[in-house]
Amino acid sequence: MAKGKKKAGWFRYVKEAFTYRWNLLLFGGAAAAALLSPSPDIVLPLVAAAELAYLGGLTTLPRFQAAIDARARAEERGLSTGSAPPAQDRQKKLADVLGSLEAERRNRFLRVRARCVEMQRIANAVRGDTRDESGAAAELRTPALDRLLWVFLKLLLSQQALGRFLRAADGAAIKTQLDELMAKQRAAEEKKDERILRSITDSVATATLRLENYEKAKSNAEFVGVELDRIENKIQALTEMAISHQDPNELSIQVDAVAEGMSQTEETIRELQAITGLGSDTSEAPSILATDVTQVQA
């Protein structure tokens, strides 16, 4: 964790680990079975020891601590500003972006999300084989997957906005206009008419800027298209890794590495915020895998 960031503390770590839904289910079931066993005085201490081992192991994981610290800071920001909880704001933004997408791009996103859900299901089965009953690996991996999906979704919105801009701006017409203006500028220089020259020079500068914006939009559109394919292929590869790799932690590391390598992509998205309507979106990714996106669209 970066220096200076407030930590949630051990009490919060233990509380979150203990109240995790699968732990409560397993611990409660084990305790009930121990009480009904022929030797509860022997079995109950064993159940308690196993629970303490689980709590001690999970609460010392740096990634678990980082996730809880981030959650605590987000809750604190929400309370201090008096605004709606950050999670609700993020889910509203998810609904807005999904609702803004054309059907073809929305369906592409839903297919990619389905791959992530499939990957988690397969990883859960693998984790069962490796006796990771806590479910901690999947719980910690979910934010990275949500971030991948959120970046993918914002790229789809950027691609849609760029397409509309490029269709509205006729690059060939802008280039023709610029050539004509430059010819007039040369003629005005020969005539040495300062008033006309100043006016045409300003028009040349404006047309040049328009052409530069058009070319940059074309370049951004090409990058966004390539990046969408790259992320989709990465998710496909991760899905296959979930089948072939027996260690869920190795898969988790791969997912985190892909999510952390998104800095250039997110910088491009920020540059395009004026035409996508996303604003200066620096918030954490909304919960996507755990959300019924069919209800979000409605």
Protein backbone atom coordinates (compact mmCIF):
# COMPACT_ATOMS: atom_id res chain seq x y z
CA MET A 1 0.00 0.00 0.00
CA ALA A 2 1.19 3.48 -0.82
CA LYS A 3 2.59 5.46 2.06
CA GLY A 4 0.15 7.84 3.71
CA LYS A 5 -3.04 5.94 2.88
CA LYS A 6 -5.19 5.14 5.89
CA LYS A 7 -5.57 1.48 6.83
CA ALA A 8 -8.81 -0.09 7.96
CA GLY A 9 -7.16 -1.87 10.89
CA TRP A 10 -7.06 -5.44 12.16
CA PHE A 11 -10.53 -5.33 13.68
CA ARG A 12 -12.01 -4.49 10.26
CA TYR A 13 -9.88 -7.15 8.55
CA VAL A 14 -11.06 -9.83 10.97
CA LYS A 15 -14.67 -8.67 10.76
CA GLU A 16 -14.69 -8.77 6.95
CA ALA A 17 -13.01 -12.18 6.86
CA PHE A 18 -15.38 -13.64 9.46
CA THR A 19 -18.58 -12.23 7.92
CA TYR A 20 -17.66 -13.40 4.42
CA ARG A 21 -20.75 -15.35 3.36
CA TRP A 22 -19.01 -18.64 2.60
CA ASN A 23 -17.11 -18.56 5.87
CA LEU A 24 -20.31 -18.02 7.86
CA LEU A 25 -21.96 -20.89 6.01
CA LEU A 26 -19.07 -23.30 6.48
CA PHE A 27 -18.30 -22.27 10.05
CA GLY A 28 -21.95 -22.39 11.10
CA GLY A 29 -22.42 -25.80 9.47
CA ALA A 30 -19.25 -27.19 11.03
CA ALA A 31 -20.19 -25.87 14.47
CA ALA A 32 -23.68 -27.38 14.21
CA ALA A 33 -22.24 -30.71 13.11
CA ALA A 34 -19.77 -30.62 16.01
CA LEU A 35 -22.55 -30.03 18.52
CA LEU A 36 -24.47 -33.01 17.15
CA SER A 37 -21.43 -35.26 17.07
CA PRO A 38 -20.78 -37.91 19.75
CA SER A 39 -17.82 -35.90 21.09
CA PRO A 40 -18.62 -32.17 20.83
CA ASP A 41 -16.01 -31.33 23.47
CA ILE A 42 -13.35 -32.64 21.10
CA VAL A 43 -14.78 -31.60 17.71
CA LEU A 44 -15.77 -28.02 18.65
CA PRO A 45 -12.22 -26.97 19.60
CA LEU A 46 -11.02 -28.40 16.28
CA VAL A 47 -13.63 -26.32 14.39
CA ALA A 48 -12.60 -23.22 16.35
CA ALA A 49 -8.92 -23.89 15.61
CA ALA A 50 -9.65 -24.24 11.89
CA GLU A 51 -11.60 -20.97 11.95
CA LEU A 52 -8.76 -19.16 13.70
CA ALA A 53 -6.30 -20.53 11.15
CA TYR A 54 -8.51 -19.26 8.33
CA LEU A 55 -8.88 -15.81 9.91
CA GLY A 56 -5.18 -15.55 10.64
CA GLY A 57 -4.21 -16.61 7.12
CA LEU A 58 -6.64 -14.40 5.21
CA THR A 59 -6.22 -11.23 7.28
CA THR A 60 -2.44 -11.28 6.72
CA LEU A 61 -2.75 -11.37 2.92
CA PRO A 62 -1.58 -7.98 1.54
CA ARG A 63 -4.16 -8.05 -1.26
CA PHE A 64 -6.98 -8.77 1.16
CA GLN A 65 -5.86 -5.88 3.37
CA ALA A 66 -5.60 -3.57 0.34
CA ALA A 67 -9.12 -4.47 -0.78
CA ILE A 68 -10.59 -3.79 2.68
CA ASP A 69 -8.57 -0.56 3.03
CA ALA A 70 -9.94 0.67 -0.30
CA ARG A 71 -13.48 -0.21 0.73
CA ALA A 72 -13.10 1.61 4.04
CA ARG A 73 -11.70 4.74 2.35
CA ALA A 74 -14.56 4.74 -0.16
CA GLU A 75 -17.11 4.49 2.64
CA GLU A 76 -15.40 7.32 4.50
CA ARG A 77 -15.43 9.55 1.40
CA GLY A 78 -19.13 8.89 0.94
CA LEU A 79 -19.94 9.80 4.54
CA SER A 80 -17.75 12.91 4.58
CA THR A 81 -19.28 14.41 1.42
CA GLY A 82 -22.85 13.53 2.34
CA SER A 83 -23.40 12.28 -1.21
CA ALA A 84 -24.87 8.99 -2.35
CA PRO A 85 -22.70 5.94 -1.58
CA PRO A 86 -19.89 5.63 -4.17
CA ALA A 87 -21.06 2.13 -5.11
CA GLN A 88 -24.48 3.50 -6.09
CA ASP A 89 -22.85 6.23 -8.18
CA ARG A 90 -20.72 3.65 -9.98
CA GLN A 91 -23.70 1.39 -10.68
CA LYS A 92 -25.64 4.37 -12.08
CA LYS A 93 -22.72 5.16 -14.39
CA LEU A 94 -22.67 1.51 -15.50
CA ALA A 95 -26.37 1.76 -16.35
CA ASP A 96 -25.81 5.04 -18.22
CA VAL A 97 -22.97 3.64 -20.34
CA LEU A 98 -24.82 0.42 -21.15
CA GLY A 99 -27.91 2.41 -22.10
CA SER A 100 -25.84 4.66 -24.39
CA LEU A 101 -24.38 1.81 -26.43
CA GLU A 102 -25.82 0.70 -29.73
CA ALA A 103 -27.12 -2.88 -29.79
CA GLU A 104 -24.13 -4.38 -31.61
CA ARG A 105 -21.57 -3.01 -29.15
CA ARG A 106 -23.75 -3.81 -26.13
CA ASN A 107 -24.02 -7.42 -27.29
CA ARG A 108 -20.26 -7.60 -27.73
CA PHE A 109 -19.78 -6.44 -24.16
CA LEU A 110 -22.30 -8.99 -22.87
CA ARG A 111 -20.45 -11.78 -24.67
CA VAL A 112 -17.14 -10.74 -23.10
CA ARG A 113 -18.74 -10.49 -19.65
CA ALA A 114 -20.16 -13.97 -20.13
CA ARG A 115 -16.61 -15.23 -20.71
CA CYS A 116 -15.52 -13.71 -17.41
CA VAL A 117 -18.44 -15.36 -15.60
CA GLU A 118 -17.48 -18.65 -17.23
CA MET A 119 -13.88 -18.16 -16.11
CA GLN A 120 -14.96 -17.60 -12.52
CA ARG A 121 -17.16 -20.68 -12.54
CA ILE A 122 -14.32 -22.83 -13.85
CA ALA A 123 -11.89 -21.29 -11.36
CA ASN A 124 -14.35 -22.03 -8.55
CA ALA A 125 -14.39 -25.68 -9.58
CA VAL A 126 -10.59 -25.73 -9.67
CA ARG A 127 -10.46 -24.07 -6.26
CA GLY A 128 -12.71 -26.80 -4.90
CA ASP A 129 -10.25 -29.38 -6.17
CA THR A 130 -7.43 -27.54 -4.39
CA ARG A 131 -9.43 -27.23 -1.16
CA ASP A 132 -9.51 -23.43 -1.08
CA GLU A 133 -12.84 -23.42 0.75
CA SER A 134 -12.60 -19.79 1.83
CA GLY A 135 -13.28 -18.46 -1.68
CA ALA A 136 -10.75 -15.70 -1.00
CA ALA A 137 -8.98 -16.10 -4.34
CA ALA A 138 -12.13 -15.39 -6.36
CA GLU A 139 -13.21 -12.57 -4.02
CA LEU A 140 -9.90 -10.78 -4.52
CA ARG A 141 -9.80 -11.44 -8.24
CA THR A 142 -13.25 -9.97 -8.92
CA PRO A 143 -12.19 -6.26 -8.70
CA ALA A 144 -9.50 -6.85 -11.35
CA LEU A 145 -12.02 -8.55 -13.64
CA ASP A 146 -14.50 -5.72 -13.05
CA ARG A 147 -11.80 -3.23 -14.00
CA LEU A 148 -11.06 -5.14 -17.22
CA LEU A 149 -14.74 -5.16 -18.13
CA TRP A 150 -15.18 -1.48 -17.20
CA VAL A 151 -12.27 -0.45 -19.43
CA PHE A 152 -13.67 -2.62 -22.23
CA LEU A 153 -17.10 -1.01 -21.84
CA LYS A 154 -15.69 2.53 -21.89
CA LEU A 155 -13.65 1.67 -24.98
CA LEU A 156 -16.83 0.54 -26.72
CA LEU A 157 -18.44 3.88 -25.87
CA SER A 158 -15.34 5.71 -27.12
CA GLN A 159 -15.39 3.71 -30.36
CA GLN A 160 -19.05 4.58 -30.87
CA ALA A 161 -18.45 8.30 -30.24
CA LEU A 162 -15.40 8.37 -32.54
CA GLY A 163 -17.39 6.67 -35.28
CA ARG A 164 -20.09 9.32 -35.07
CA PHE A 165 -17.51 12.11 -35.14
CA LEU A 166 -15.70 10.68 -38.17
CA ARG A 167 -18.97 10.23 -40.04
CA ALA A 168 -19.98 13.83 -39.30
CA ALA A 169 -16.58 15.33 -40.17
CA ASP A 170 -15.72 14.90 -43.86
CA GLY A 171 -11.92 14.56 -43.87
CA ALA A 172 -11.63 14.79 -47.67
CA ALA A 173 -13.72 17.97 -47.71
CA ILE A 174 -11.59 19.53 -44.96
CA LYS A 175 -8.41 18.70 -46.91
CA THR A 176 -9.84 20.19 -50.11
CA GLN A 177 -10.88 23.35 -48.25
CA LEU A 178 -7.41 23.69 -46.73
CA ASP A 179 -5.73 23.36 -50.14
CA GLU A 180 -8.01 26.04 -51.58
CA LEU A 181 -7.35 28.39 -48.67
CA MET A 182 -3.59 27.94 -48.97
CA ALA A 183 -3.81 28.80 -52.68
CA LYS A 184 -5.76 31.97 -51.80
CA GLN A 185 -3.17 32.76 -49.13
CA ARG A 186 -0.36 32.61 -51.68
CA ALA A 187 -2.36 34.85 -54.02
CA ALA A 188 -2.98 37.37 -51.23
CA GLU A 189 0.75 37.40 -50.41
CA GLU A 190 1.51 38.26 -54.02
CA LYS A 191 -1.06 41.07 -53.99
CA LYS A 192 0.23 42.25 -50.60
CA ASP A 193 -3.29 42.96 -49.34
CA GLU A 194 -2.79 42.74 -45.58
CA ARG A 195 -6.49 42.70 -44.65
CA ILE A 196 -7.31 39.79 -46.94
CA LEU A 197 -4.08 38.02 -45.98
CA ARG A 198 -4.87 38.22 -42.26
CA SER A 199 -8.38 36.87 -42.81
CA ILE A 200 -7.22 33.99 -45.04
CA THR A 201 -4.31 33.15 -42.72
CA ASP A 202 -6.75 32.77 -39.83
CA SER A 203 -8.97 30.55 -41.98
CA VAL A 204 -5.95 28.42 -42.93
CA ALA A 205 -5.08 27.98 -39.25
CA THR A 206 -8.67 26.95 -38.47
CA ALA A 207 -8.80 24.45 -41.35
CA THR A 208 -5.41 23.06 -40.35
CA LEU A 209 -6.63 22.52 -36.79
CA ARG A 210 -9.78 20.78 -38.06
CA LEU A 211 -7.71 18.47 -40.23
CA GLU A 212 -5.37 17.69 -37.32
CA ASN A 213 -8.36 16.88 -35.10
CA TYR A 214 -9.79 14.63 -37.79
CA GLU A 215 -6.50 12.76 -38.26
CA LYS A 216 -6.10 12.35 -34.49
CA ALA A 217 -9.64 11.00 -34.24
CA LYS A 218 -8.84 8.48 -36.98
CA SER A 219 -5.71 7.42 -35.11
CA ASN A 220 -7.63 7.12 -31.84
CA ALA A 221 -10.36 5.10 -33.54
CA GLU A 222 -7.76 2.69 -34.91
CA PHE A 223 -6.13 2.34 -31.49
CA VAL A 224 -9.47 1.77 -29.76
CA GLY A 225 -10.40 -0.93 -32.26
CA VAL A 226 -7.08 -2.72 -31.81
CA GLU A 227 -7.27 -2.37 -28.02
CA LEU A 228 -10.80 -3.81 -27.90
CA ASP A 229 -9.58 -6.87 -29.80
CA ARG A 230 -6.55 -7.17 -27.50
CA ILE A 231 -8.60 -7.10 -24.30
CA GLU A 232 -11.14 -9.54 -25.71
CA ASN A 233 -8.32 -11.93 -26.67
CA LYS A 234 -6.77 -11.54 -23.21
CA ILE A 235 -10.05 -12.53 -21.58
CA GLN A 236 -10.29 -15.49 -23.95
CA ALA A 237 -6.77 -16.55 -22.93
CA LEU A 238 -7.57 -16.15 -19.24
CA THR A 239 -10.66 -18.30 -19.71
CA GLU A 240 -8.52 -21.05 -21.18
CA MET A 241 -5.97 -20.65 -18.38
CA ALA A 242 -8.72 -21.29 -15.84
CA ILE A 243 -9.19 -24.72 -17.41
CA SER A 244 -5.54 -25.70 -17.83
CA HIS A 245 -4.01 -24.25 -14.63
CA GLN A 246 -4.67 -25.96 -11.31
CA ASP A 247 -3.40 -23.11 -9.13
CA PRO A 248 -6.10 -20.40 -8.71
CA ASN A 249 -3.52 -17.97 -7.31
CA GLU A 250 -1.55 -18.13 -10.56
CA LEU A 251 -4.68 -17.22 -12.51
CA SER A 252 -5.38 -14.39 -10.06
CA ILE A 253 -1.90 -12.98 -10.63
CA GLN A 254 -2.40 -13.06 -14.40
CA VAL A 255 -5.73 -11.24 -14.16
CA ASP A 256 -4.26 -8.57 -11.87
CA ALA A 257 -1.30 -8.08 -14.23
CA VAL A 258 -3.59 -7.50 -17.22
CA ALA A 259 -5.74 -5.05 -15.24
CA GLU A 260 -2.70 -3.11 -14.03
CA GLY A 261 -1.37 -2.81 -17.61
CA MET A 262 -4.27 -0.59 -18.69
CA SER A 263 -2.67 2.81 -18.00
CA GLN A 264 -2.20 3.80 -21.67
CA THR A 265 -5.70 2.66 -22.55
CA GLU A 266 -7.28 4.60 -19.67
CA GLU A 267 -5.26 7.68 -20.64
CA THR A 268 -6.74 7.52 -24.15
CA ILE A 269 -10.23 7.21 -22.65
CA ARG A 270 -9.60 10.33 -20.56
CA GLU A 271 -8.45 12.22 -23.68
CA LEU A 272 -11.72 11.31 -25.38
CA GLN A 273 -13.95 12.35 -22.49
CA ALA A 274 -15.21 15.43 -24.35
CA ILE A 275 -16.91 13.35 -27.03
CA THR A 276 -17.87 10.31 -24.94
CA GLY A 277 -19.58 12.25 -22.16
CA LEU A 278 -17.80 10.25 -19.46
CA GLY A 279 -16.35 13.37 -17.90
CA SER A 280 -13.20 13.11 -15.77
CA ASP A 281 -14.01 9.53 -14.79
CA THR A 282 -11.41 8.50 -12.23
CA SER A 283 -13.72 6.41 -10.04
CA GLU A 284 -13.25 2.77 -9.24
CA ALA A 285 -14.86 0.25 -11.55
CA PRO A 286 -18.48 -0.61 -10.73
CA SER A 287 -19.45 -4.13 -9.73
CA ILE A 288 -20.10 -5.78 -13.09
CA LEU A 289 -19.71 -9.53 -12.56
CA ALA A 290 -22.00 -9.47 -9.51
CA THR A 291 -24.61 -7.27 -11.22
CA ASP A 292 -27.54 -8.49 -13.26
CA VAL A 293 -26.75 -6.40 -16.34
CA THR A 294 -30.09 -7.27 -17.93
CA GLN A 295 -31.74 -5.33 -15.09
CA VAL A 296 -29.19 -2.52 -15.42
CA GLN A 297 -30.09 -2.05 -19.10
CA ALA A 298 -33.76 -1.74 -18.20
